[in-house]
Amino acid sequence: MVQAYILVQTEVGKAAAVATAISGIKGVVSAEDVTGPYDVIVRAEADDVDLLGQLVVAQVQGVSGITRTLTCPVVHLANGARLPPDIVPPVSAPVRPRLSAPQVVALALPLLLAVAVAVIAVVARTQGGDAPVPPDTRPLAVAPIDSPDAAGPDCTALVGALPAELATSDGPLVTRPIDQPDTAPGVRAWAAAPRPVVLRCGLTRPAELAPDSALLEVNGVRWLQLDDGLPEPVQVSYIAVDRPVYVALSTPVDVGTGPLQQVADVVRATLPVTPVRTG
């Protein structure tokens, strides 16, 4: 028997419905909607890897409302243990040297830790636990940065069209006021933990933008994605690069992609498309 955890990201507000739909699929042991970068965690099992792949591809990924999945097979390791024959490469595959047991453990440990965190999240949701720390809603002091177009008509239109709340699977993020807003045009913020969601409009061209930069397209807007550089990122920033002004949205990793999708809708509706300027 082969088992795996399937980490699922969903459209905004669809986590509960997706978890319910997945739980009815044959081979699914459990499906729980959770907090964090993924919205639903699924435990599935099948007789072999091929059947597990068919389950994931043909059924779980076919559930309406899913935007992304990540499958993590369960690996049982012991001293001198070898990987099950189901996951040994076929004869036609390139021959690779067999890893020793310590090497296998070293490679599998990050996956096992990720699965452990996923299990803890499911247990905490089903059995209860410490209440999460509420987000800070006090006025946010914004550090000044070079934003030459922040007070221009494009940014004024965009900021004026942004919603007062951003929807997430854990509930809405309410507007967080800006401290001394007259000195920070083109800025909006929403209360979230551990850091707020912050939008800045009118920035200079990001130095990281190059002709070969990998761009993420969300709801018709092209974004340059940057993280905070930590081994386990806490915050991620998205910069819209195909509009007359550069727009940056910084969010905690744990809030998911809901805020980005909603802001992308407003950017698409208020700012015209322009060619990406890489130099």
Protein backbone atom coordinates (compact mmCIF):
# COMPACT_ATOMS: atom_id res chain seq x y z
CA MET A 1 0.00 0.00 0.00
CA VAL A 2 1.36 3.43 -1.02
CA GLN A 3 0.24 6.51 0.90
CA ALA A 4 0.73 10.23 0.28
CA TYR A 5 -0.24 13.64 1.56
CA ILE A 6 -1.62 15.98 -1.11
CA LEU A 7 -1.27 19.70 -0.31
CA VAL A 8 -3.93 21.72 -2.14
CA GLN A 9 -4.31 25.42 -2.89
CA THR A 10 -7.82 26.58 -3.81
CA GLU A 11 -9.62 29.60 -5.12
CA VAL A 12 -10.62 32.16 -2.49
CA GLY A 13 -13.44 30.87 -0.29
CA LYS A 14 -13.47 27.38 -1.86
CA ALA A 15 -11.41 25.43 0.73
CA ALA A 16 -14.35 23.90 2.61
CA ALA A 17 -16.19 22.88 -0.56
CA VAL A 18 -13.03 21.39 -2.08
CA ALA A 19 -12.27 19.40 1.09
CA THR A 20 -15.83 18.02 1.11
CA ALA A 21 -15.65 17.04 -2.56
CA ILE A 22 -12.25 15.37 -2.20
CA SER A 23 -13.31 13.40 0.88
CA GLY A 24 -15.80 11.48 -1.26
CA ILE A 25 -13.16 10.20 -3.70
CA LYS A 26 -12.23 6.53 -3.41
CA GLY A 27 -8.76 6.16 -1.93
CA VAL A 28 -8.92 9.40 0.07
CA VAL A 29 -8.48 8.68 3.78
CA SER A 30 -9.04 12.25 4.97
CA ALA A 31 -9.39 15.78 3.58
CA GLU A 32 -9.19 18.79 5.89
CA ASP A 33 -9.27 22.52 5.16
CA VAL A 34 -6.42 24.17 7.11
CA THR A 35 -4.61 27.45 7.63
CA GLY A 36 -1.24 28.28 6.07
CA PRO A 37 0.13 28.46 2.53
CA TYR A 38 -2.07 25.51 1.53
CA ASP A 39 -5.83 25.46 1.96
CA VAL A 40 -6.59 21.72 2.10
CA ILE A 41 -4.48 18.73 3.19
CA VAL A 42 -5.46 15.31 1.84
CA ARG A 43 -4.22 11.87 2.89
CA ALA A 44 -4.68 9.28 0.15
CA GLU A 45 -3.66 5.66 -0.39
CA ALA A 46 -3.56 3.20 -3.26
CA ASP A 47 -2.12 -0.22 -4.04
CA ASP A 48 0.84 1.18 -6.00
CA VAL A 49 2.38 4.42 -7.25
CA ASP A 50 0.64 4.23 -10.64
CA LEU A 51 -2.79 3.98 -9.05
CA LEU A 52 -1.92 6.81 -6.67
CA GLY A 53 -0.91 8.99 -9.63
CA GLN A 54 -4.17 8.18 -11.39
CA LEU A 55 -6.07 9.11 -8.24
CA VAL A 56 -4.32 12.48 -7.96
CA VAL A 57 -4.33 13.44 -11.63
CA ALA A 58 -7.69 12.08 -12.71
CA GLN A 59 -9.81 12.76 -9.64
CA VAL A 60 -8.35 15.09 -7.00
CA GLN A 61 -6.97 17.60 -9.51
CA GLY A 62 -10.29 17.48 -11.36
CA VAL A 63 -12.21 18.92 -8.39
CA SER A 64 -13.56 22.38 -9.16
CA GLY A 65 -11.89 25.22 -7.27
CA ILE A 66 -8.36 23.77 -7.08
CA THR A 67 -5.53 25.97 -8.35
CA ARG A 68 -2.48 23.88 -7.37
CA THR A 69 -1.50 20.57 -5.76
CA LEU A 70 1.70 19.17 -4.29
CA THR A 71 1.93 15.42 -3.66
CA CYS A 72 4.20 14.17 -0.85
CA PRO A 73 4.53 10.34 -0.73
CA VAL A 74 4.87 8.82 2.74
CA VAL A 75 8.29 7.20 3.21
CA HIS A 76 8.88 4.63 5.99
CA LEU A 77 12.58 4.38 6.79
CA ALA A 78 14.49 2.10 9.17
CA ASN A 79 18.12 1.04 9.57
CA GLY A 80 19.21 -0.64 6.37
CA ALA A 81 15.78 -0.13 4.77
CA ARG A 82 15.48 0.33 1.05
CA LEU A 83 12.91 2.25 -0.90
CA PRO A 84 9.89 0.14 -1.95
CA PRO A 85 10.23 -1.45 -5.42
CA ASP A 86 7.22 0.59 -6.59
CA ILE A 87 9.37 3.73 -6.68
CA VAL A 88 12.60 2.22 -8.06
CA PRO A 89 13.29 3.71 -11.55
CA PRO A 90 12.35 1.41 -14.47
CA VAL A 91 15.06 -0.45 -16.39
CA SER A 92 14.92 2.06 -19.23
CA ALA A 93 15.71 4.93 -16.87
CA PRO A 94 19.32 6.15 -16.48
CA VAL A 95 21.22 4.04 -13.96
CA ARG A 96 22.02 5.97 -10.81
CA PRO A 97 24.11 4.86 -7.82
CA ARG A 98 22.09 3.53 -4.90
CA LEU A 99 22.02 5.88 -1.92
CA SER A 100 23.09 4.66 1.48
CA ALA A 101 20.58 4.67 4.32
CA PRO A 102 22.04 7.89 5.88
CA GLN A 103 21.83 9.64 2.50
CA VAL A 104 18.23 8.57 2.06
CA VAL A 105 17.40 9.88 5.52
CA ALA A 106 19.12 13.21 4.77
CA LEU A 107 17.18 13.63 1.53
CA ALA A 108 13.85 12.52 2.97
CA LEU A 109 14.04 14.51 6.22
CA PRO A 110 12.77 17.84 4.78
CA LEU A 111 9.79 16.03 3.26
CA LEU A 112 9.06 14.23 6.53
CA LEU A 113 9.23 17.52 8.43
CA ALA A 114 6.80 19.12 5.95
CA VAL A 115 4.40 16.21 6.40
CA ALA A 116 4.73 16.47 10.18
CA VAL A 117 3.83 20.16 10.05
CA ALA A 118 0.85 19.33 7.85
CA VAL A 119 -0.35 16.67 10.30
CA ILE A 120 0.02 19.07 13.24
CA ALA A 121 -2.06 21.65 11.38
CA VAL A 122 -4.82 19.10 10.78
CA VAL A 123 -4.80 17.90 14.40
CA ALA A 124 -4.81 21.46 15.74
CA ARG A 125 -7.81 22.28 13.56
CA THR A 126 -9.79 19.17 14.54
CA GLN A 127 -8.88 19.04 18.23
CA GLY A 128 -8.41 22.71 19.01
CA GLY A 129 -5.33 24.46 20.39
CA ASP A 130 -3.93 27.82 21.29
CA ALA A 131 -5.80 30.69 19.69
CA PRO A 132 -3.83 32.45 16.94
CA VAL A 133 -2.37 35.85 17.71
CA PRO A 134 -4.74 38.50 16.30
CA PRO A 135 -3.30 40.83 13.66
CA ASP A 136 -2.20 44.31 14.63
CA THR A 137 -4.79 46.90 13.53
CA ARG A 138 -3.01 50.01 14.80
CA PRO A 139 -1.92 52.70 12.29
CA LEU A 140 1.00 51.39 10.27
CA ALA A 141 4.17 53.48 10.05
CA VAL A 142 5.40 53.21 6.45
CA ALA A 143 9.08 53.63 5.68
CA PRO A 144 9.71 56.13 2.88
CA ILE A 145 10.99 54.64 -0.40
CA ASP A 146 11.49 56.06 -3.86
CA SER A 147 8.01 56.19 -5.41
CA PRO A 148 8.06 58.90 -8.09
CA ASP A 149 4.58 58.09 -9.46
CA ALA A 150 2.78 57.42 -6.16
CA ALA A 151 0.78 60.65 -6.25
CA GLY A 152 0.01 60.44 -9.99
CA PRO A 153 -3.40 59.74 -11.56
CA ASP A 154 -2.73 56.04 -12.18
CA CYS A 155 -1.92 55.29 -8.54
CA THR A 156 -4.72 57.52 -7.31
CA ALA A 157 -7.22 55.56 -9.40
CA LEU A 158 -5.83 52.20 -8.31
CA VAL A 159 -5.71 52.97 -4.58
CA GLY A 160 -9.23 54.41 -4.72
CA ALA A 161 -10.58 51.22 -6.29
CA LEU A 162 -9.04 48.79 -3.79
CA PRO A 163 -11.47 46.95 -1.48
CA ALA A 164 -11.73 47.71 2.22
CA GLU A 165 -11.29 43.99 2.97
CA LEU A 166 -9.34 41.17 1.34
CA ALA A 167 -10.90 37.71 1.54
CA THR A 168 -8.85 34.71 2.72
CA SER A 169 -9.76 31.16 3.71
CA ASP A 170 -9.46 32.26 7.38
CA GLY A 171 -11.74 35.26 7.02
CA PRO A 172 -11.42 38.83 5.74
CA LEU A 173 -8.38 41.04 6.25
CA VAL A 174 -9.59 44.49 7.26
CA THR A 175 -8.00 47.76 6.23
CA ARG A 176 -5.15 48.87 8.47
CA PRO A 177 -4.82 52.67 8.60
CA ILE A 178 -1.60 54.33 7.50
CA ASP A 179 0.20 56.54 10.01
CA GLN A 180 0.53 60.04 8.53
CA PRO A 181 -1.12 59.09 5.21
CA ASP A 182 -0.37 62.49 3.66
CA THR A 183 3.31 61.55 3.62
CA ALA A 184 2.68 58.12 2.06
CA PRO A 185 0.63 58.46 -1.12
CA GLY A 186 -0.03 55.31 -3.14
CA VAL A 187 0.03 53.05 -0.06
CA ARG A 188 -2.71 50.78 1.33
CA ALA A 189 -2.49 48.16 4.06
CA TRP A 190 -4.63 45.37 5.49
CA ALA A 191 -4.22 43.80 8.94
CA ALA A 192 -2.71 40.28 8.87
CA ALA A 193 -0.43 38.17 11.03
CA PRO A 194 2.49 38.06 11.50
CA ARG A 195 2.89 41.03 9.14
CA PRO A 196 0.40 43.25 7.33
CA VAL A 197 -0.47 43.02 3.67
CA VAL A 198 0.90 46.22 2.09
CA LEU A 199 0.40 47.65 -1.39
CA ARG A 200 2.66 50.36 -2.79
CA CYS A 201 2.02 52.04 -6.11
CA GLY A 202 4.35 54.17 -8.25
CA LEU A 203 7.68 52.52 -7.46
CA THR A 204 10.79 52.68 -9.63
CA ARG A 205 11.57 49.73 -11.90
CA PRO A 206 12.75 46.80 -9.75
CA ALA A 207 16.44 46.04 -10.17
CA GLU A 208 15.62 42.29 -10.21
CA LEU A 209 13.58 42.64 -13.42
CA ALA A 210 15.64 41.27 -16.33
CA PRO A 211 14.86 40.00 -19.84
CA ASP A 212 14.99 36.39 -18.58
CA SER A 213 13.00 36.98 -15.38
CA ALA A 214 10.31 34.36 -14.73
CA LEU A 215 7.02 36.24 -14.47
CA LEU A 216 3.86 34.97 -12.78
CA GLU A 217 0.57 35.77 -14.53
CA VAL A 218 -2.39 36.13 -12.19
CA ASN A 219 -5.81 37.19 -13.45
CA GLY A 220 -4.36 38.85 -16.53
CA VAL A 221 -1.56 40.75 -14.73
CA ARG A 222 2.13 39.81 -14.94
CA TRP A 223 4.01 39.85 -11.64
CA LEU A 224 7.66 39.53 -10.61
CA GLN A 225 7.75 37.39 -7.47
CA LEU A 226 10.36 38.07 -4.77
CA ASP A 227 10.69 36.55 -1.30
CA ASP A 228 12.39 37.89 1.81
CA GLY A 229 15.52 35.76 1.26
CA LEU A 230 15.07 33.65 4.38
CA PRO A 231 15.54 29.84 4.20
CA GLU A 232 11.85 29.55 5.12
CA PRO A 233 10.30 32.75 3.69
CA VAL A 234 7.87 34.60 5.95
CA GLN A 235 6.87 37.26 3.43
CA VAL A 236 6.58 37.31 -0.34
CA SER A 237 6.28 40.34 -2.63
CA TYR A 238 4.69 40.55 -6.06
CA ILE A 239 5.44 43.48 -8.40
CA ALA A 240 3.13 44.18 -11.36
CA VAL A 241 5.44 44.90 -14.29
CA ASP A 242 3.10 45.25 -17.28
CA ARG A 243 1.28 48.47 -16.29
CA PRO A 244 2.12 52.20 -16.65
CA VAL A 245 3.27 52.24 -12.99
CA TYR A 246 4.93 49.58 -10.89
CA VAL A 247 2.69 48.15 -8.16
CA ALA A 248 4.11 46.04 -5.31
CA LEU A 249 2.03 43.82 -3.03
CA SER A 250 3.75 42.30 0.02
CA THR A 251 1.94 39.54 1.93
CA PRO A 252 2.75 37.01 4.66
CA VAL A 253 3.23 33.56 3.16
CA ASP A 254 0.52 32.12 5.41
CA VAL A 255 -2.34 34.19 3.96
CA GLY A 256 -2.21 32.31 0.65
CA THR A 257 -2.82 33.78 -2.80
CA GLY A 258 -6.28 35.23 -2.18
CA PRO A 259 -5.10 38.84 -1.64
CA LEU A 260 -2.93 38.69 -4.77
CA GLN A 261 -5.86 37.48 -6.89
CA GLN A 262 -8.16 40.25 -5.63
CA VAL A 263 -5.58 43.00 -6.09
CA ALA A 264 -4.78 41.65 -9.58
CA ASP A 265 -8.44 42.07 -10.51
CA VAL A 266 -8.34 45.74 -9.47
CA VAL A 267 -5.03 46.35 -11.27
CA ARG A 268 -6.42 44.81 -14.46
CA ALA A 269 -9.61 46.91 -14.23
CA THR A 270 -7.94 50.27 -13.48
CA LEU A 271 -4.55 50.25 -15.25
CA PRO A 272 -4.00 49.58 -18.98
CA VAL A 273 -1.58 46.93 -20.17
CA THR A 274 1.87 48.11 -21.28
CA PRO A 275 4.93 46.20 -22.54
CA VAL A 276 7.24 44.88 -19.84
CA ARG A 277 10.24 47.21 -19.57
CA THR A 278 13.36 45.22 -18.70
CA GLY A 279 16.00 47.86 -19.32
